[in-house]
N, C-alpha and C. Protein backbone atom coordinates (compact mmCIF):
# COMPACT_ATOMS: atom_id res chain seq x y z
N MET A 1 84.63 83.34 106.62
CA MET A 1 84.51 82.54 105.41
C MET A 1 84.50 81.07 105.82
N ASP A 2 83.53 80.29 105.34
CA ASP A 2 83.47 78.88 105.71
C ASP A 2 84.43 78.07 104.85
N SER A 3 84.61 76.79 105.21
CA SER A 3 85.59 75.96 104.52
C SER A 3 85.23 75.74 103.05
N GLN A 4 83.93 75.69 102.73
CA GLN A 4 83.56 75.53 101.33
C GLN A 4 84.01 76.73 100.52
N GLU A 5 83.89 77.91 101.08
CA GLU A 5 84.33 79.12 100.38
C GLU A 5 85.85 79.09 100.19
N SER A 6 86.59 78.66 101.22
CA SER A 6 88.04 78.68 101.13
C SER A 6 88.55 77.62 100.17
N ASP A 7 87.80 76.51 99.96
CA ASP A 7 88.21 75.47 99.04
C ASP A 7 87.93 75.83 97.59
N TYR A 8 87.09 76.80 97.36
CA TYR A 8 86.72 77.22 96.01
C TYR A 8 87.87 78.01 95.41
N ASP A 9 88.38 77.56 94.27
CA ASP A 9 89.55 78.18 93.64
C ASP A 9 89.10 79.25 92.64
N HIS A 10 88.84 80.45 93.16
CA HIS A 10 88.32 81.55 92.33
C HIS A 10 89.22 81.84 91.14
N ASP A 11 90.52 81.92 91.39
CA ASP A 11 91.45 82.28 90.31
C ASP A 11 91.44 81.23 89.19
N ARG A 12 91.40 79.97 89.57
CA ARG A 12 91.39 78.91 88.56
C ARG A 12 90.14 79.00 87.70
N TYR A 13 88.97 79.14 88.34
CA TYR A 13 87.73 79.20 87.57
C TYR A 13 87.66 80.49 86.74
N LYS A 14 88.20 81.57 87.26
CA LYS A 14 88.22 82.82 86.50
C LYS A 14 89.07 82.65 85.24
N GLN A 15 90.22 81.97 85.37
CA GLN A 15 91.08 81.72 84.22
C GLN A 15 90.39 80.80 83.21
N LEU A 16 89.76 79.75 83.70
CA LEU A 16 89.06 78.83 82.80
C LEU A 16 87.91 79.53 82.08
N LEU A 17 87.22 80.42 82.79
CA LEU A 17 86.13 81.16 82.15
C LEU A 17 86.67 82.09 81.06
N ALA A 18 87.80 82.72 81.34
CA ALA A 18 88.40 83.60 80.34
C ALA A 18 88.81 82.82 79.09
N GLU A 19 89.19 81.56 79.28
CA GLU A 19 89.61 80.72 78.15
C GLU A 19 88.42 80.10 77.42
N ALA A 20 87.25 80.14 78.03
CA ALA A 20 86.05 79.53 77.43
C ALA A 20 85.46 80.51 76.42
N VAL A 21 85.98 80.48 75.20
CA VAL A 21 85.60 81.47 74.20
C VAL A 21 84.46 81.01 73.29
N ASP A 22 84.11 79.73 73.37
CA ASP A 22 83.00 79.25 72.54
C ASP A 22 82.08 78.39 73.40
N GLU A 23 80.96 78.01 72.82
CA GLU A 23 79.95 77.27 73.58
C GLU A 23 80.48 75.94 74.09
N THR A 24 81.27 75.25 73.30
CA THR A 24 81.80 73.94 73.71
C THR A 24 82.66 74.06 74.96
N THR A 25 83.57 75.01 74.98
CA THR A 25 84.44 75.16 76.15
C THR A 25 83.67 75.68 77.35
N ARG A 26 82.66 76.52 77.12
CA ARG A 26 81.83 76.99 78.25
C ARG A 26 81.05 75.83 78.86
N LEU A 27 80.51 74.95 78.01
CA LEU A 27 79.79 73.77 78.52
C LEU A 27 80.74 72.83 79.25
N GLU A 28 81.97 72.69 78.77
CA GLU A 28 82.96 71.86 79.47
C GLU A 28 83.28 72.45 80.84
N LEU A 29 83.37 73.77 80.93
CA LEU A 29 83.62 74.43 82.21
C LEU A 29 82.46 74.20 83.17
N ILE A 30 81.25 74.32 82.68
CA ILE A 30 80.07 74.08 83.53
C ILE A 30 80.09 72.65 84.03
N ASP A 31 80.37 71.70 83.15
CA ASP A 31 80.43 70.29 83.53
C ASP A 31 81.52 70.05 84.59
N LEU A 32 82.67 70.65 84.41
CA LEU A 32 83.77 70.53 85.36
C LEU A 32 83.37 71.05 86.73
N MET A 33 82.73 72.22 86.76
CA MET A 33 82.32 72.81 88.03
C MET A 33 81.27 71.94 88.73
N ILE A 34 80.36 71.36 87.97
CA ILE A 34 79.34 70.48 88.55
C ILE A 34 80.01 69.24 89.13
N ARG A 35 80.92 68.63 88.38
CA ARG A 35 81.60 67.42 88.87
C ARG A 35 82.41 67.72 90.11
N GLU A 36 83.12 68.84 90.13
CA GLU A 36 83.94 69.17 91.29
C GLU A 36 83.08 69.48 92.50
N ARG A 37 81.96 70.13 92.30
CA ARG A 37 81.05 70.42 93.42
C ARG A 37 80.46 69.12 93.97
N ALA A 38 80.11 68.20 93.07
CA ALA A 38 79.57 66.90 93.51
C ALA A 38 80.63 66.14 94.29
N ARG A 39 81.87 66.17 93.82
CA ARG A 39 82.96 65.50 94.53
C ARG A 39 83.15 66.10 95.92
N ASP A 40 83.13 67.41 96.02
CA ASP A 40 83.30 68.09 97.30
C ASP A 40 82.18 67.74 98.26
N ARG A 41 80.95 67.68 97.75
CA ARG A 41 79.81 67.34 98.61
C ARG A 41 79.90 65.89 99.08
N LEU A 42 80.36 64.99 98.21
CA LEU A 42 80.52 63.59 98.60
C LEU A 42 81.58 63.46 99.69
N LEU A 43 82.69 64.16 99.54
CA LEU A 43 83.74 64.12 100.56
C LEU A 43 83.24 64.67 101.89
N ALA A 44 82.46 65.74 101.86
CA ALA A 44 81.90 66.31 103.09
C ALA A 44 80.93 65.33 103.73
N TRP A 45 80.11 64.66 102.91
CA TRP A 45 79.16 63.69 103.43
C TRP A 45 79.88 62.52 104.09
N ARG A 46 80.95 62.04 103.46
CA ARG A 46 81.73 60.94 104.03
C ARG A 46 82.37 61.37 105.35
N ALA A 47 82.89 62.59 105.38
CA ALA A 47 83.52 63.09 106.61
C ALA A 47 82.51 63.18 107.74
N SER A 48 81.29 63.63 107.45
CA SER A 48 80.28 63.74 108.50
C SER A 48 79.88 62.36 109.00
N GLY A 49 79.85 61.37 108.10
CA GLY A 49 79.56 60.00 108.51
C GLY A 49 80.63 59.45 109.43
N ARG A 50 81.89 59.74 109.10
CA ARG A 50 82.99 59.30 109.96
C ARG A 50 82.91 59.98 111.32
N ALA A 51 82.57 61.25 111.33
CA ALA A 51 82.45 61.98 112.60
C ALA A 51 81.35 61.38 113.46
N ALA A 52 80.24 60.99 112.84
CA ALA A 52 79.15 60.38 113.59
C ALA A 52 79.57 59.03 114.16
N MET A 53 80.33 58.25 113.40
CA MET A 53 80.80 56.96 113.89
C MET A 53 81.76 57.14 115.06
N VAL A 54 82.63 58.13 114.97
CA VAL A 54 83.57 58.41 116.06
C VAL A 54 82.80 58.84 117.30
N ALA A 55 81.81 59.70 117.14
CA ALA A 55 81.00 60.15 118.28
C ALA A 55 80.30 58.99 118.95
N ALA A 56 79.76 58.07 118.14
CA ALA A 56 79.08 56.90 118.70
C ALA A 56 80.06 56.00 119.43
N ALA A 57 81.26 55.82 118.88
CA ALA A 57 82.27 54.99 119.53
C ALA A 57 82.72 55.59 120.85
N VAL A 58 82.95 56.88 120.86
CA VAL A 58 83.38 57.56 122.09
C VAL A 58 82.27 57.48 123.14
N ALA A 59 81.04 57.69 122.71
CA ALA A 59 79.92 57.60 123.64
C ALA A 59 79.84 56.19 124.23
N GLY A 60 80.05 55.18 123.40
CA GLY A 60 80.03 53.80 123.88
C GLY A 60 81.14 53.54 124.89
N MET A 61 82.31 54.07 124.64
CA MET A 61 83.43 53.89 125.58
C MET A 61 83.17 54.59 126.91
N LEU A 62 82.44 55.67 126.85
CA LEU A 62 82.14 56.41 128.07
C LEU A 62 80.88 55.90 128.76
N GLY A 63 80.24 54.91 128.17
CA GLY A 63 79.03 54.35 128.75
C GLY A 63 77.81 55.22 128.58
N GLN A 64 77.86 56.13 127.64
CA GLN A 64 76.73 57.02 127.36
C GLN A 64 75.95 56.46 126.17
N PRO A 65 74.67 56.78 126.08
CA PRO A 65 73.94 56.37 124.88
C PRO A 65 74.49 57.11 123.66
N ALA A 66 74.54 56.42 122.54
CA ALA A 66 75.04 57.03 121.31
C ALA A 66 74.13 58.17 120.89
N PRO A 67 74.70 59.24 120.37
CA PRO A 67 73.86 60.35 119.90
C PRO A 67 72.99 59.89 118.74
N ARG A 68 71.75 60.38 118.72
CA ARG A 68 70.84 60.04 117.62
C ARG A 68 71.18 60.88 116.41
N PRO A 69 71.07 60.28 115.24
CA PRO A 69 71.30 61.08 114.02
C PRO A 69 70.32 62.23 113.93
N PHE A 70 70.75 63.35 113.44
CA PHE A 70 69.93 64.53 113.29
C PHE A 70 68.75 64.24 112.39
N GLY A 71 67.57 64.68 112.81
CA GLY A 71 66.38 64.54 111.97
C GLY A 71 65.60 63.27 112.19
N ARG A 72 66.04 62.44 113.10
CA ARG A 72 65.31 61.20 113.37
C ARG A 72 64.41 61.39 114.58
N ASP A 73 63.15 60.97 114.46
CA ASP A 73 62.20 61.12 115.55
C ASP A 73 62.15 59.90 116.45
N SER A 74 62.58 58.75 115.96
CA SER A 74 62.47 57.52 116.76
C SER A 74 63.73 57.18 117.49
């Protein structure tokens, strides 16, 4: 199971879904899940950026060329 799976709170969402008895509460649940997923993706993106900066700094200290970002041809 990857970290995204382990961070997903199945029991909480299952309880919220059970409580969503009308369209308004179901739409609020959908909105909550979208916001939380967006927050999680932003945190993961920030963490990957920090990891890249650390890798570049370590490479510089070791006198190695900094690793190129993934997907760049130049």
